[in-house]
């Protein structure tokens, strides 16, 4: 089970506000480290930690975390929220998994995948390799 993710950003306040507005995460208790940052909570758990970063571009050719995924509910409601906030997104439909996904970027360019599993896939409806005549 993943405990949390720590994201480096050169815009702590903007990134914090983004996670609050889009995902409803709330800042909460954070130990008195020797550097600034936030712990953002969902359901009483600190799931996203934000710490200062240099703001340099990500080298996608090197080893790095590509994106962070969040399991959410209410796909259509989230699309309306993103539209209202003028946040661009792309979509992915995966009916074989019973999932729909939205991809967004934080103000500093971190890729987030929003996963909505609102209906379980029915394995009996999956294509097979058997031909019938």
N, C-alpha and C. Protein backbone atom coordinates (compact mmCIF):
# COMPACT_ATOMS: atom_id res chain seq x y z
N UNK A 1 0.85 -1.18 0.00
CA UNK A 1 0.00 0.00 0.00
C UNK A 1 0.89 1.24 0.00
N UNK A 2 0.64 2.14 -0.88
CA UNK A 2 1.38 3.39 -0.95
C UNK A 2 0.95 4.27 0.22
N UNK A 3 1.92 4.82 0.95
CA UNK A 3 1.63 5.66 2.11
C UNK A 3 1.44 7.12 1.73
N UNK A 4 2.35 7.66 0.95
CA UNK A 4 2.25 9.06 0.52
C UNK A 4 3.19 9.29 -0.66
N UNK A 5 3.06 10.45 -1.25
CA UNK A 5 3.97 10.88 -2.30
C UNK A 5 4.50 12.25 -1.90
N UNK A 6 5.78 12.48 -2.15
CA UNK A 6 6.39 13.78 -1.89
C UNK A 6 6.71 14.42 -3.23
N UNK A 7 6.23 15.63 -3.42
CA UNK A 7 6.45 16.35 -4.67
C UNK A 7 7.28 17.59 -4.40
N UNK A 8 8.30 17.79 -5.21
CA UNK A 8 9.11 19.02 -5.13
C UNK A 8 8.50 20.05 -6.08
N UNK A 9 8.40 21.28 -5.60
CA UNK A 9 7.84 22.34 -6.43
C UNK A 9 8.48 23.67 -6.06
N UNK A 10 8.68 24.51 -7.05
CA UNK A 10 9.19 25.85 -6.77
C UNK A 10 8.05 26.80 -6.39
N UNK A 11 6.80 26.33 -6.46
CA UNK A 11 5.64 27.14 -6.11
C UNK A 11 4.82 26.40 -5.05
N UNK A 12 5.29 26.43 -3.81
CA UNK A 12 4.59 25.72 -2.73
C UNK A 12 3.16 26.20 -2.57
N UNK A 13 2.96 27.51 -2.54
CA UNK A 13 1.62 28.05 -2.30
C UNK A 13 0.66 27.73 -3.45
N UNK A 14 1.13 27.91 -4.67
CA UNK A 14 0.28 27.63 -5.83
C UNK A 14 -0.06 26.16 -5.94
N UNK A 15 0.91 25.29 -5.67
CA UNK A 15 0.67 23.85 -5.75
C UNK A 15 -0.26 23.41 -4.63
N UNK A 16 -0.08 23.94 -3.43
CA UNK A 16 -0.99 23.64 -2.32
C UNK A 16 -2.41 24.05 -2.67
N UNK A 17 -2.57 25.26 -3.17
CA UNK A 17 -3.91 25.76 -3.53
C UNK A 17 -4.54 24.90 -4.63
N UNK A 18 -3.73 24.44 -5.58
CA UNK A 18 -4.21 23.58 -6.65
C UNK A 18 -4.78 22.28 -6.10
N UNK A 19 -4.02 21.61 -5.23
CA UNK A 19 -4.49 20.35 -4.64
C UNK A 19 -5.73 20.55 -3.78
N UNK A 20 -5.81 21.68 -3.10
CA UNK A 20 -7.01 21.98 -2.32
C UNK A 20 -8.22 22.16 -3.23
N UNK A 21 -8.06 22.97 -4.28
CA UNK A 21 -9.19 23.30 -5.16
C UNK A 21 -9.64 22.10 -5.99
N UNK A 22 -8.69 21.33 -6.50
CA UNK A 22 -9.04 20.25 -7.43
C UNK A 22 -9.40 18.96 -6.70
N UNK A 23 -8.56 18.54 -5.75
CA UNK A 23 -8.76 17.24 -5.11
C UNK A 23 -9.34 17.33 -3.70
N UNK A 24 -9.53 18.54 -3.20
CA UNK A 24 -10.11 18.70 -1.88
C UNK A 24 -9.18 18.31 -0.75
N UNK A 25 -7.87 18.21 -1.02
CA UNK A 25 -6.91 17.91 0.04
C UNK A 25 -6.75 19.13 0.93
N UNK A 26 -6.49 18.88 2.20
CA UNK A 26 -6.38 19.97 3.18
C UNK A 26 -5.04 19.92 3.89
N UNK A 27 -4.38 21.08 4.05
CA UNK A 27 -3.13 21.08 4.81
C UNK A 27 -3.40 20.74 6.27
N UNK A 28 -2.48 20.01 6.87
CA UNK A 28 -2.62 19.62 8.27
C UNK A 28 -1.27 19.55 8.94
N UNK A 29 -1.25 18.86 10.06
CA UNK A 29 -0.03 18.76 10.86
C UNK A 29 1.15 18.30 10.01
N UNK A 30 2.28 18.94 10.25
CA UNK A 30 3.55 18.58 9.63
C UNK A 30 4.63 18.82 10.67
N UNK A 31 5.51 17.84 10.92
CA UNK A 31 6.57 18.07 11.89
C UNK A 31 7.40 19.30 11.54
N UNK A 32 8.08 19.85 12.52
CA UNK A 32 8.88 21.07 12.34
C UNK A 32 10.22 20.72 11.70
N UNK A 33 10.18 20.41 10.42
CA UNK A 33 11.40 20.14 9.67
C UNK A 33 12.18 21.44 9.50
N UNK A 34 13.43 21.35 9.07
CA UNK A 34 14.25 22.53 8.87
C UNK A 34 14.05 23.18 7.51
N UNK A 35 12.96 22.89 6.84
CA UNK A 35 12.64 23.46 5.53
C UNK A 35 11.13 23.59 5.43
N UNK A 36 10.68 24.45 4.56
CA UNK A 36 9.24 24.71 4.42
C UNK A 36 8.56 23.57 3.67
N UNK A 37 7.26 23.57 3.72
CA UNK A 37 6.50 22.57 3.00
C UNK A 37 5.12 22.39 3.60
N UNK A 38 4.38 21.45 3.04
CA UNK A 38 3.03 21.13 3.50
C UNK A 38 2.83 19.63 3.48
N UNK A 39 2.00 19.15 4.40
CA UNK A 39 1.43 17.82 4.30
C UNK A 39 -0.05 18.03 4.01
N UNK A 40 -0.51 17.44 2.91
CA UNK A 40 -1.91 17.58 2.50
C UNK A 40 -2.65 16.28 2.81
N UNK A 41 -3.79 16.43 3.45
CA UNK A 41 -4.52 15.29 3.99
C UNK A 41 -5.79 14.97 3.19
N UNK A 42 -6.08 13.66 3.13
CA UNK A 42 -7.35 13.14 2.63
C UNK A 42 -7.82 12.11 3.63
N UNK A 43 -9.04 12.23 4.09
CA UNK A 43 -9.61 11.28 5.06
C UNK A 43 -8.70 11.08 6.27
N UNK A 44 -8.11 12.17 6.76
CA UNK A 44 -7.29 12.12 7.96
C UNK A 44 -5.88 11.60 7.78
N UNK A 45 -5.48 11.33 6.54
CA UNK A 45 -4.14 10.80 6.26
C UNK A 45 -3.35 11.79 5.40
N UNK A 46 -2.06 12.01 5.73
CA UNK A 46 -1.23 12.91 4.93
C UNK A 46 -0.71 12.20 3.67
N UNK A 47 -1.41 12.36 2.56
CA UNK A 47 -1.11 11.58 1.36
C UNK A 47 -0.19 12.30 0.37
N UNK A 48 -0.16 13.63 0.41
CA UNK A 48 0.73 14.39 -0.47
C UNK A 48 1.57 15.31 0.38
N UNK A 49 2.89 15.18 0.24
CA UNK A 49 3.82 16.08 0.91
C UNK A 49 4.40 17.00 -0.15
N UNK A 50 4.42 18.28 0.13
CA UNK A 50 5.02 19.25 -0.79
C UNK A 50 6.25 19.84 -0.13
N UNK A 51 7.36 19.87 -0.88
CA UNK A 51 8.59 20.46 -0.39
C UNK A 51 9.19 21.34 -1.48
N UNK A 52 10.08 22.26 -1.10
CA UNK A 52 10.67 23.17 -2.09
C UNK A 52 11.49 22.42 -3.13
N UNK A 53 11.41 22.90 -4.36
CA UNK A 53 12.21 22.38 -5.47
C UNK A 53 12.84 23.53 -6.23
N UNK A 54 13.76 23.20 -7.09
CA UNK A 54 14.51 24.22 -7.82
C UNK A 54 13.77 24.75 -9.04
N UNK A 55 12.74 24.06 -9.47
CA UNK A 55 11.99 24.53 -10.63
C UNK A 55 12.65 24.20 -11.95
N UNK A 56 13.58 23.24 -11.96
CA UNK A 56 14.21 22.87 -13.22
C UNK A 56 13.31 21.88 -13.97
N UNK A 57 13.42 21.85 -15.29
CA UNK A 57 12.56 20.95 -16.07
C UNK A 57 12.87 19.48 -15.76
N UNK A 58 11.85 18.64 -15.87
CA UNK A 58 12.00 17.21 -15.65
C UNK A 58 12.64 16.59 -16.87
N UNK A 59 13.65 15.76 -16.64
CA UNK A 59 14.29 15.02 -17.73
C UNK A 59 13.57 13.69 -17.87
N UNK A 60 12.62 13.61 -18.77
CA UNK A 60 11.80 12.40 -18.90
C UNK A 60 12.60 11.22 -19.48
N UNK A 61 13.81 11.46 -19.98
CA UNK A 61 14.63 10.37 -20.50
C UNK A 61 15.34 9.65 -19.36
N UNK A 62 15.50 10.31 -18.23
CA UNK A 62 16.19 9.71 -17.09
C UNK A 62 15.21 9.00 -16.18
N UNK A 63 15.73 8.43 -15.10
CA UNK A 63 14.89 7.75 -14.14
C UNK A 63 14.20 8.79 -13.27
N UNK A 64 12.87 8.73 -13.27
CA UNK A 64 12.08 9.67 -12.50
C UNK A 64 10.69 9.09 -12.33
N UNK A 65 9.93 9.62 -11.41
CA UNK A 65 8.52 9.24 -11.32
C UNK A 65 7.79 10.01 -12.40
N UNK A 66 7.04 9.30 -13.22
CA UNK A 66 6.37 9.91 -14.36
C UNK A 66 5.11 10.67 -13.95
N UNK A 67 4.28 10.09 -13.09
CA UNK A 67 3.06 10.74 -12.68
C UNK A 67 2.56 10.13 -11.38
N UNK A 68 1.57 10.77 -10.79
CA UNK A 68 0.92 10.29 -9.57
C UNK A 68 -0.54 10.09 -9.89
N UNK A 69 -1.09 8.94 -9.50
CA UNK A 69 -2.49 8.64 -9.75
C UNK A 69 -3.31 8.70 -8.48
N UNK A 70 -4.53 9.20 -8.60
CA UNK A 70 -5.47 9.29 -7.49
C UNK A 70 -6.75 8.58 -7.88
N UNK A 71 -7.26 7.69 -7.03
CA UNK A 71 -8.54 7.03 -7.26
C UNK A 71 -9.62 7.93 -6.69
N UNK A 72 -10.56 8.32 -7.53
CA UNK A 72 -11.62 9.25 -7.15
C UNK A 72 -12.97 8.70 -7.57
N UNK A 73 -14.02 9.40 -7.21
CA UNK A 73 -15.37 9.09 -7.67
C UNK A 73 -15.93 10.33 -8.35
N UNK A 74 -17.01 10.16 -9.09
CA UNK A 74 -17.73 11.24 -9.77
C UNK A 74 -16.93 11.86 -10.91
N UNK A 75 -16.71 11.07 -11.92
CA UNK A 75 -15.99 11.49 -13.13
C UNK A 75 -16.61 12.75 -13.74
N UNK A 76 -17.91 12.74 -13.94
CA UNK A 76 -18.57 13.88 -14.58
C UNK A 76 -18.48 15.14 -13.72
N UNK A 77 -18.62 14.98 -12.40
CA UNK A 77 -18.47 16.11 -11.50
C UNK A 77 -17.07 16.70 -11.54
N UNK A 78 -16.07 15.83 -11.64
CA UNK A 78 -14.69 16.33 -11.73
C UNK A 78 -14.46 17.05 -13.05
N UNK A 79 -15.01 16.54 -14.14
CA UNK A 79 -14.88 17.25 -15.42
C UNK A 79 -15.49 18.63 -15.33
N UNK A 80 -16.66 18.75 -14.70
CA UNK A 80 -17.29 20.06 -14.54
C UNK A 80 -16.41 20.99 -13.69
N UNK A 81 -15.84 20.44 -12.61
CA UNK A 81 -14.97 21.24 -11.75
C UNK A 81 -13.75 21.73 -12.52
N UNK A 82 -13.12 20.84 -13.29
CA UNK A 82 -11.94 21.23 -14.08
C UNK A 82 -12.32 22.28 -15.12
N UNK A 83 -13.47 22.12 -15.75
CA UNK A 83 -13.94 23.12 -16.72
C UNK A 83 -14.17 24.46 -16.02
N UNK A 84 -14.82 24.43 -14.84
CA UNK A 84 -15.08 25.67 -14.10
C UNK A 84 -13.79 26.36 -13.68
N UNK A 85 -12.75 25.56 -13.36
CA UNK A 85 -11.46 26.12 -12.94
C UNK A 85 -10.54 26.42 -14.13
N UNK A 86 -11.03 26.15 -15.35
CA UNK A 86 -10.25 26.34 -16.59
C UNK A 86 -8.94 25.56 -16.56
N UNK A 87 -9.01 24.33 -16.04
CA UNK A 87 -7.85 23.45 -16.01
C UNK A 87 -7.98 22.47 -17.17
N UNK A 88 -7.04 22.51 -18.11
CA UNK A 88 -7.11 21.58 -19.25
C UNK A 88 -6.85 20.14 -18.80
N UNK A 89 -7.46 19.21 -19.51
CA UNK A 89 -7.29 17.80 -19.19
C UNK A 89 -7.42 16.97 -20.45
N UNK A 90 -6.87 15.78 -20.39
CA UNK A 90 -7.10 14.81 -21.46
C UNK A 90 -7.81 13.62 -20.82
N UNK A 91 -8.45 12.81 -21.67
CA UNK A 91 -9.28 11.71 -21.20
C UNK A 91 -8.78 10.39 -21.73
N UNK A 92 -9.05 9.34 -20.97
CA UNK A 92 -8.78 7.97 -21.41
C UNK A 92 -9.92 7.10 -20.91
N UNK A 93 -10.50 6.34 -21.82
CA UNK A 93 -11.58 5.42 -21.47
C UNK A 93 -11.02 4.00 -21.53
N UNK A 94 -11.21 3.23 -20.48
CA UNK A 94 -10.76 1.85 -20.43
C UNK A 94 -11.93 0.95 -20.02
N UNK A 95 -12.88 0.74 -20.94
CA UNK A 95 -14.08 -0.02 -20.59
C UNK A 95 -13.77 -1.44 -20.14
N UNK A 96 -12.69 -2.04 -20.64
CA UNK A 96 -12.35 -3.40 -20.23
C UNK A 96 -11.97 -3.48 -18.76
N UNK A 97 -11.59 -2.34 -18.18
CA UNK A 97 -11.28 -2.28 -16.75
C UNK A 97 -12.40 -1.63 -15.95
N UNK A 98 -13.41 -1.13 -16.65
CA UNK A 98 -14.47 -0.40 -15.99
C UNK A 98 -13.97 0.92 -15.45
N UNK A 99 -13.02 1.54 -16.16
CA UNK A 99 -12.40 2.78 -15.67
C UNK A 99 -12.43 3.88 -16.72
N UNK A 100 -12.49 5.10 -16.19
CA UNK A 100 -12.27 6.31 -16.99
C UNK A 100 -11.19 7.10 -16.27
N UNK A 101 -10.35 7.80 -17.05
CA UNK A 101 -9.24 8.53 -16.47
C UNK A 101 -9.16 9.94 -17.05
N UNK A 102 -8.75 10.85 -16.20
CA UNK A 102 -8.48 12.23 -16.61
C UNK A 102 -7.03 12.53 -16.25
N UNK A 103 -6.33 13.23 -17.12
CA UNK A 103 -4.95 13.60 -16.88
C UNK A 103 -4.86 15.12 -16.82
N UNK A 104 -4.26 15.63 -15.75
CA UNK A 104 -4.10 17.07 -15.56
C UNK A 104 -2.68 17.35 -15.11
N UNK A 105 -2.30 18.61 -15.17
CA UNK A 105 -0.98 19.02 -14.67
C UNK A 105 -1.16 20.09 -13.60
N UNK A 106 -0.30 20.01 -12.58
CA UNK A 106 -0.28 21.05 -11.56
C UNK A 106 0.25 22.33 -12.21
N UNK A 107 0.15 23.46 -11.52
CA UNK A 107 0.66 24.71 -12.10
C UNK A 107 2.15 24.65 -12.47
N UNK A 108 2.91 23.76 -11.82
CA UNK A 108 4.34 23.65 -12.14
C UNK A 108 4.65 22.47 -13.06
N UNK A 109 3.61 21.80 -13.58
CA UNK A 109 3.81 20.79 -14.61
C UNK A 109 3.83 19.35 -14.16
N UNK A 110 3.56 19.05 -12.90
CA UNK A 110 3.54 17.66 -12.44
C UNK A 110 2.29 16.99 -12.99
N UNK A 111 2.46 15.82 -13.61
CA UNK A 111 1.34 15.10 -14.22
C UNK A 111 0.59 14.29 -13.16
N UNK A 112 -0.74 14.48 -13.13
CA UNK A 112 -1.61 13.74 -12.24
C UNK A 112 -2.62 12.94 -13.06
N UNK A 113 -2.85 11.70 -12.66
CA UNK A 113 -3.84 10.85 -13.31
C UNK A 113 -4.99 10.64 -12.32
N UNK A 114 -6.17 11.01 -12.73
CA UNK A 114 -7.36 10.86 -11.89
C UNK A 114 -8.13 9.65 -12.41
N UNK A 115 -8.21 8.62 -11.59
CA UNK A 115 -8.79 7.34 -11.99
C UNK A 115 -10.17 7.18 -11.36
N UNK A 116 -11.15 6.86 -12.19
CA UNK A 116 -12.53 6.69 -11.75
C UNK A 116 -12.97 5.27 -12.08
N UNK A 117 -13.17 4.47 -11.08
CA UNK A 117 -13.65 3.10 -11.27
C UNK A 117 -15.06 3.07 -10.71
N UNK A 118 -15.99 3.52 -11.53
CA UNK A 118 -17.37 3.65 -11.07
C UNK A 118 -18.20 2.42 -11.36
N UNK A 119 -17.70 1.55 -12.23
CA UNK A 119 -18.40 0.30 -12.53
C UNK A 119 -17.35 -0.77 -12.75
N UNK A 120 -17.59 -1.91 -12.19
CA UNK A 120 -16.67 -3.03 -12.38
C UNK A 120 -16.84 -3.60 -13.78
N UNK A 121 -15.73 -3.97 -14.39
CA UNK A 121 -15.78 -4.61 -15.70
C UNK A 121 -16.40 -6.00 -15.54
N UNK A 122 -17.16 -6.41 -16.52
CA UNK A 122 -17.78 -7.73 -16.52
C UNK A 122 -16.90 -8.64 -17.37
N UNK A 123 -16.18 -9.59 -16.74
CA UNK A 123 -15.27 -10.44 -17.51
C UNK A 123 -15.98 -11.23 -18.61
N UNK A 124 -17.27 -11.50 -18.47
CA UNK A 124 -17.98 -12.26 -19.50
C UNK A 124 -18.18 -11.44 -20.77
N UNK A 125 -17.99 -10.12 -20.69
CA UNK A 125 -18.13 -9.27 -21.88
C UNK A 125 -16.80 -8.99 -22.56
N UNK A 126 -15.73 -9.62 -22.08
CA UNK A 126 -14.41 -9.38 -22.66
C UNK A 126 -14.25 -10.14 -23.96
N UNK A 127 -13.56 -9.54 -24.92
CA UNK A 127 -13.32 -10.25 -26.18
C UNK A 127 -12.45 -11.48 -25.94
N UNK A 128 -12.64 -12.49 -26.76
CA UNK A 128 -11.83 -13.69 -26.66
C UNK A 128 -11.13 -13.92 -27.99
N UNK A 129 -10.19 -14.85 -27.98
CA UNK A 129 -9.48 -15.18 -29.21
C UNK A 129 -10.16 -16.31 -29.98
N UNK A 130 -11.31 -16.78 -29.52
CA UNK A 130 -12.01 -17.89 -30.14
C UNK A 130 -12.96 -17.35 -31.19
N UNK A 131 -12.82 -17.85 -32.40
CA UNK A 131 -13.73 -17.44 -33.47
C UNK A 131 -14.90 -18.43 -33.51
N UNK A 132 -16.06 -17.90 -33.79
CA UNK A 132 -17.23 -18.76 -33.96
C UNK A 132 -17.75 -18.59 -35.38
N UNK A 133 -18.27 -19.65 -35.90
CA UNK A 133 -18.83 -19.58 -37.26
C UNK A 133 -20.23 -20.12 -37.29
